[in-house]
Protein backbone atom coordinates (compact mmCIF):
# COMPACT_ATOMS: atom_id res chain seq x y z
CA MET A 1 -37.39 -76.33 -40.32
CA SER A 2 -39.41 -73.15 -39.83
CA GLN A 3 -36.25 -71.38 -38.59
CA ILE A 4 -34.35 -72.31 -41.80
CA SER A 5 -37.25 -71.05 -43.91
CA ALA A 6 -37.18 -67.75 -42.05
CA LEU A 7 -33.46 -67.40 -42.70
CA GLU A 8 -33.95 -68.18 -46.38
CA SER A 9 -36.74 -65.59 -46.57
CA LEU A 10 -34.48 -63.00 -44.96
CA ALA A 11 -31.76 -63.73 -47.50
CA GLU A 12 -34.24 -63.32 -50.33
CA LEU A 13 -35.34 -59.96 -48.99
CA ARG A 14 -31.73 -58.79 -48.80
CA GLU A 15 -31.22 -59.89 -52.38
CA GLU A 16 -34.19 -57.74 -53.36
CA ILE A 17 -32.65 -54.76 -51.55
CA ASP A 18 -29.32 -55.35 -53.33
CA ARG A 19 -31.14 -55.50 -56.67
CA ILE A 20 -32.93 -52.20 -55.99
CA ASP A 21 -29.68 -50.54 -54.86
CA GLY A 22 -27.99 -51.65 -58.07
CA GLU A 23 -30.84 -50.34 -60.20
CA MET A 24 -30.76 -46.98 -58.39
CA HIS A 25 -27.03 -46.67 -59.02
CA ASN A 26 -27.44 -47.60 -62.68
CA LEU A 27 -30.18 -44.99 -63.07
CA LEU A 28 -27.95 -42.31 -61.55
CA MET A 29 -25.17 -43.20 -63.98
CA GLU A 30 -27.69 -43.13 -66.83
CA ARG A 31 -28.76 -39.68 -65.66
CA GLY A 32 -25.12 -38.60 -65.82
CA GLU A 33 -24.92 -39.76 -69.44
CA ILE A 34 -27.96 -37.65 -70.28
CA ILE A 35 -26.30 -34.65 -68.64
CA ASP A 36 -23.29 -35.19 -70.93
CA ARG A 37 -25.63 -35.00 -73.93
CA LEU A 38 -27.35 -31.95 -72.43
CA ILE A 39 -24.00 -30.16 -72.15
CA MET A 40 -23.26 -30.84 -75.81
CA VAL A 41 -26.70 -29.60 -76.92
CA LYS A 42 -26.32 -26.42 -74.88
CA ALA A 43 -22.87 -25.83 -76.36
CA ARG A 44 -24.33 -26.04 -79.89
CA GLN A 45 -27.15 -23.65 -78.95
CA GLY A 46 -24.91 -21.06 -77.34
CA GLY A 47 -25.20 -22.07 -73.67
CA GLY A 48 -27.73 -21.01 -71.10
CA SER A 49 -28.26 -20.99 -67.36
CA ALA A 50 -27.74 -24.25 -65.49
CA PHE A 51 -30.16 -23.16 -62.76
CA ARG A 52 -33.86 -23.93 -63.22
CA PRO A 53 -35.57 -22.92 -59.98
CA GLY A 54 -39.09 -23.10 -61.43
CA ARG A 55 -38.57 -26.64 -62.75
CA GLU A 56 -36.98 -27.71 -59.47
CA ALA A 57 -39.92 -26.40 -57.45
CA ASP A 58 -42.45 -28.17 -59.72
CA MET A 59 -40.58 -31.45 -59.41
CA MET A 60 -40.33 -31.14 -55.63
CA ARG A 61 -44.05 -30.49 -55.33
CA ALA A 62 -44.76 -33.61 -57.40
CA ILE A 63 -42.42 -35.72 -55.27
CA ALA A 64 -43.98 -34.49 -52.03
CA ALA A 65 -47.51 -35.03 -53.33
CA ARG A 66 -46.97 -38.66 -54.39
CA HIS A 67 -44.71 -39.75 -51.53
CA HIS A 68 -45.99 -42.37 -49.10
CA GLY A 69 -44.68 -45.21 -46.99
CA ARG A 70 -42.14 -45.66 -44.20
CA LEU A 71 -39.31 -43.60 -45.71
CA PRO A 72 -39.44 -40.03 -44.28
CA LEU A 73 -40.11 -37.26 -46.76
CA ASP A 74 -37.12 -35.42 -45.26
CA THR A 75 -34.84 -38.13 -46.65
CA VAL A 76 -36.49 -38.13 -50.06
CA GLU A 77 -36.31 -34.34 -50.31
CA SER A 78 -32.66 -34.23 -49.27
CA ILE A 79 -31.64 -37.02 -51.68
CA TRP A 80 -33.47 -35.33 -54.54
CA ARG A 81 -31.97 -31.93 -53.74
CA VAL A 82 -28.44 -33.37 -53.60
CA ILE A 83 -28.95 -35.20 -56.91
CA ILE A 84 -30.21 -32.05 -58.67
CA SER A 85 -27.59 -29.74 -57.15
CA THR A 86 -24.74 -32.14 -57.85
CA PHE A 87 -25.73 -32.79 -61.45
CA THR A 88 -26.10 -29.03 -61.95
CA PHE A 89 -22.56 -28.66 -60.55
CA VAL A 90 -21.31 -31.36 -62.95
CA GLN A 91 -22.98 -29.53 -65.82
CA SER A 92 -21.64 -26.11 -64.81
CA PRO A 93 -19.45 -25.83 -61.66
CA TYR A 94 -20.55 -23.24 -59.09
CA ALA A 95 -20.16 -22.41 -55.40
CA VAL A 96 -22.70 -21.40 -52.76
CA HIS A 97 -21.92 -18.26 -50.74
CA ALA A 98 -23.76 -17.99 -47.42
CA ASP A 99 -24.29 -15.11 -45.01
CA MET A 100 -23.13 -16.55 -41.67
CA SER A 101 -23.65 -13.38 -39.62
CA GLY A 102 -26.53 -14.93 -37.64
CA GLY A 103 -24.53 -17.96 -36.56
CA ASP A 104 -23.50 -20.63 -39.02
CA ALA A 105 -25.14 -23.81 -37.71
CA ALA A 106 -28.60 -23.30 -39.24
CA MET A 107 -27.19 -21.89 -42.49
CA ARG A 108 -24.78 -24.81 -42.86
CA ASP A 109 -27.58 -27.28 -42.24
CA SER A 110 -29.68 -25.58 -44.89
CA ALA A 111 -26.82 -25.44 -47.39
CA ARG A 112 -25.84 -29.09 -46.96
CA PHE A 113 -29.45 -30.29 -47.02
CA HIS A 114 -30.22 -28.46 -50.26
CA PHE A 115 -26.85 -28.57 -52.06
CA GLY A 116 -24.95 -31.52 -50.56
CA PHE A 117 -21.21 -31.68 -50.01
CA THR A 118 -19.93 -31.72 -53.59
CA VAL A 119 -20.90 -28.08 -54.22
CA PRO A 120 -18.39 -25.79 -52.42
CA LEU A 121 -19.82 -23.74 -49.52
CA LEU A 122 -18.18 -20.39 -48.74
CA GLY A 123 -19.19 -18.44 -45.63
CA HIS A 124 -19.28 -14.64 -45.38
CA ALA A 125 -19.56 -12.21 -42.48
CA SER A 126 -22.55 -10.28 -43.81
CA ALA A 127 -25.31 -10.21 -46.40
CA ALA A 128 -23.47 -7.42 -48.23
CA GLU A 129 -20.33 -9.58 -48.60
CA THR A 130 -22.43 -12.49 -49.82
CA ILE A 131 -24.14 -10.38 -52.47
CA GLU A 132 -20.82 -8.94 -53.62
CA ALA A 133 -19.28 -12.42 -53.93
CA VAL A 134 -22.14 -13.52 -56.20
CA ALA A 135 -21.94 -10.29 -58.20
CA VAL A 136 -18.27 -10.76 -59.08
CA SER A 137 -18.43 -14.51 -59.80
CA GLU A 138 -17.47 -15.17 -63.38
CA ARG A 139 -18.35 -18.83 -63.82
CA PRO A 140 -20.19 -19.78 -67.03
CA GLY A 141 -23.75 -21.09 -66.89
CA GLY A 142 -25.05 -18.61 -64.33
CA GLY A 143 -22.21 -17.98 -61.89
CA ASP A 144 -22.31 -18.71 -58.17
CA LEU A 145 -25.30 -18.75 -55.83
CA GLY A 146 -25.82 -16.88 -52.56
CA MET A 147 -27.87 -17.75 -49.45
CA LEU A 148 -29.45 -14.96 -47.38
CA ARG A 149 -31.47 -15.67 -44.25
CA ILE A 150 -34.97 -14.18 -44.32
CA GLY A 151 -35.83 -11.86 -41.46
CA ARG A 152 -32.59 -11.89 -39.49
CA HIS A 153 -30.29 -8.99 -40.28
CA ALA A 154 -29.08 -5.82 -38.64
CA GLU A 155 -31.66 -3.09 -39.18
CA ASP A 156 -29.14 -0.73 -40.76
CA GLU A 157 -27.95 -3.28 -43.33
CA LYS A 158 -30.88 -3.05 -45.81
CA TRP A 159 -29.28 -5.74 -47.94
CA TRP A 160 -32.28 -5.89 -50.29
CA GLU A 161 -31.38 -2.43 -51.63
CA ARG A 162 -28.18 -3.96 -53.06
CA LEU A 163 -30.27 -6.20 -55.31
CA GLY A 164 -31.92 -3.29 -57.10
CA ALA A 165 -28.95 -2.51 -59.36
CA GLU A 166 -29.51 -3.29 -63.04
CA GLY A 167 -27.64 -6.44 -64.03
CA GLY A 168 -26.79 -7.25 -60.40
CA PRO A 169 -27.73 -10.37 -58.41
CA LYS A 170 -31.42 -11.12 -57.96
CA ILE A 171 -33.49 -13.50 -55.84
CA ILE A 172 -34.29 -16.69 -57.78
CA ALA A 173 -35.62 -19.07 -55.10
CA ARG A 174 -36.90 -19.41 -51.58
CA LEU A 175 -35.93 -22.50 -49.58
CA PRO A 176 -37.09 -24.89 -48.36
CA PHE A 177 -39.34 -25.74 -51.30
CA VAL A 178 -41.62 -27.80 -49.06
CA GLU A 179 -42.54 -26.09 -45.80
CA ARG A 180 -43.55 -28.03 -42.70
CA PRO A 181 -43.16 -27.41 -38.96
CA ASP A 182 -40.56 -30.15 -38.35
CA HIS A 183 -38.36 -29.56 -41.40
CA PRO A 184 -34.75 -30.52 -40.55
CA ALA A 185 -33.44 -27.59 -42.59
CA GLY A 186 -36.38 -25.26 -42.12
CA THR A 187 -34.49 -21.97 -41.81
CA PRO A 188 -36.14 -19.75 -44.47
CA VAL A 189 -33.56 -18.45 -46.94
CA PHE A 190 -33.48 -16.64 -50.24
CA ILE A 191 -31.21 -17.90 -53.01
CA ILE A 192 -29.66 -15.23 -55.21
CA SER A 193 -27.78 -15.42 -58.47
CA ARG A 194 -26.89 -13.27 -61.41
CA PRO A 195 -30.13 -12.53 -63.32
CA LEU A 196 -31.89 -15.47 -64.95
CA ALA A 197 -34.02 -14.92 -68.02
CA GLU A 198 -35.78 -17.97 -69.38
CA ALA A 199 -35.28 -20.04 -66.21
CA ALA A 200 -36.81 -17.71 -63.63
CA ALA A 201 -39.83 -18.73 -61.54
CA ARG A 202 -42.28 -15.88 -61.03
CA ASP A 203 -45.10 -17.01 -58.78
CA VAL A 204 -44.01 -14.43 -56.19
CA ALA A 205 -42.16 -11.19 -56.98
CA LEU A 206 -39.86 -9.37 -54.54
CA TYR A 207 -39.43 -5.60 -54.34
CA SER A 208 -37.15 -3.17 -52.60
CA ILE A 209 -39.28 -0.17 -51.64
CA LEU A 210 -38.21 3.26 -50.41
CA TRP A 211 -41.11 4.68 -48.38
CA PRO A 212 -40.50 8.40 -47.77
CA GLY A 213 -41.63 10.60 -44.90
CA ALA A 214 -43.32 9.02 -41.90
CA PRO A 215 -42.69 5.38 -40.93
CA ALA A 216 -44.14 2.89 -43.40
CA PRO A 217 -47.54 1.28 -42.64
CA ASP A 218 -47.74 -1.84 -40.48
CA ASP A 219 -47.80 -5.40 -41.79
CA ALA A 220 -51.61 -5.53 -41.87
CA TYR A 221 -51.63 -2.72 -44.44
CA PHE A 222 -49.54 -4.80 -46.85
CA HIS A 223 -51.59 -7.97 -46.28
CA ALA A 224 -54.73 -6.02 -47.18
CA SER A 225 -53.14 -5.32 -50.58
CA THR A 226 -52.18 -8.99 -51.21
CA CYS A 227 -48.58 -8.22 -50.30
CA GLU A 228 -46.25 -9.09 -47.43
CA CYS A 229 -43.60 -6.95 -45.78
CA LEU A 230 -40.72 -9.34 -45.11
CA ALA A 231 -38.22 -6.88 -43.64
CA ARG A 232 -37.97 -3.18 -42.87
CA ALA A 233 -35.36 -0.69 -41.76
CA THR A 234 -35.46 2.97 -40.78
CA THR A 235 -33.73 5.47 -43.05
CA ALA A 236 -33.01 9.18 -42.73
CA ASP A 237 -35.98 9.90 -44.99
CA GLY A 238 -38.47 7.19 -44.03
CA SER A 239 -38.26 3.41 -44.39
CA SER A 240 -36.58 0.81 -46.57
CA LEU A 241 -38.79 -2.25 -47.14
CA LEU A 242 -38.52 -5.74 -48.57
CA VAL A 243 -41.96 -6.63 -49.93
CA SER A 244 -43.40 -9.65 -51.73
CA ALA A 245 -46.29 -9.36 -54.20
CA PRO A 246 -48.08 -11.52 -56.79
CA GLY A 247 -45.69 -12.50 -59.54
CA ASP A 248 -47.70 -10.95 -62.38
CA TRP A 249 -47.68 -7.46 -60.85
CA SER A 250 -45.66 -4.65 -62.39
CA VAL A 251 -43.91 -1.92 -60.43
CA GLU A 252 -46.72 0.42 -61.43
CA LYS A 253 -49.42 -1.94 -60.16
CA LEU A 254 -47.54 -2.48 -56.90
CA SER A 255 -47.13 1.26 -56.36
CA ALA A 256 -50.83 1.87 -57.01
CA ALA A 257 -51.98 -1.00 -54.76
CA LEU A 258 -49.87 0.26 -51.86
CA ALA A 259 -50.58 3.95 -52.52
CA LEU A 260 -46.84 4.55 -52.50
CA PRO A 261 -46.16 8.26 -51.77
CA PRO A 262 -44.95 10.42 -54.70
CA ARG A 263 -41.32 10.52 -53.59
CA GLY A 264 -41.26 6.76 -53.03
CA ALA A 265 -39.66 4.20 -55.31
CA ALA A 266 -39.96 0.45 -55.94
CA PHE A 267 -37.41 -1.84 -57.58
CA CYS A 268 -37.98 -5.46 -58.57
CA ILE A 269 -35.21 -7.54 -56.98
CA GLY A 270 -36.22 -11.02 -58.09
CA SER A 271 -38.88 -13.68 -57.79
CA HIS A 272 -39.41 -17.25 -56.67
CA ALA A 273 -41.79 -20.19 -56.91
CA GLU A 274 -44.83 -20.35 -54.63
CA ARG A 275 -44.18 -22.11 -51.34
CA PHE A 276 -45.63 -25.59 -50.98
CA ALA A 277 -46.98 -26.20 -47.48
CA LEU A 278 -47.27 -29.85 -46.49
CA ALA A 279 -49.85 -30.74 -43.86
């Protein structure tokens, strides 16, 4: 008798799982209906970017903060990212271009974790090719996205200088949103797109800096000024630097804080949301 009761209890639990699965599917379809209405509203208002990196980062922080239980956060983060990326694609189709010059395994893992399989993934042989592909994309709603690995590029490439052109691609996000030592797609990458206006997140600003004369100061110098040197390359006249700074700084404030030499120059090349480190 006790064995039959156990079997009946197991069946009831499976019914509960089936009910939850059905409700989740219905909610996703309901979300799709809201996206249809969103598309119509945007059409009446003259369009706008489909990418909202600041909103996405805020939502991911909230999900990570409230998550608990047996289900790994990795799974929750990946599901959420795929839902957001796919519904953005449904709203305004786009592709993701990725610099595969450092080996494609880690970049593919990152792309699929954050964008899923519905969004097309196109590999390129260099950061320069990736930036160019984003620059020439003509899709409505913001164009295509690009993925550039942070801190792994040939020294003579200086890809960040290519983001300084007015109207050209800019950095809009840094992935992963939630940083932790065992992240399954933890390769740090920048996401670039054609410039965003109202949708940009500006907790952290990124600059391309030309430092003339002698080699640029070491990393400790930048940390002392509340900045971080993310990449550097030697030039014929000094150094080319990729530097992050507080998002509310202007070029003038950055130049003053770093005591940039007179013949130096700084160009804002984008911004992103503050990283969320999970213990």
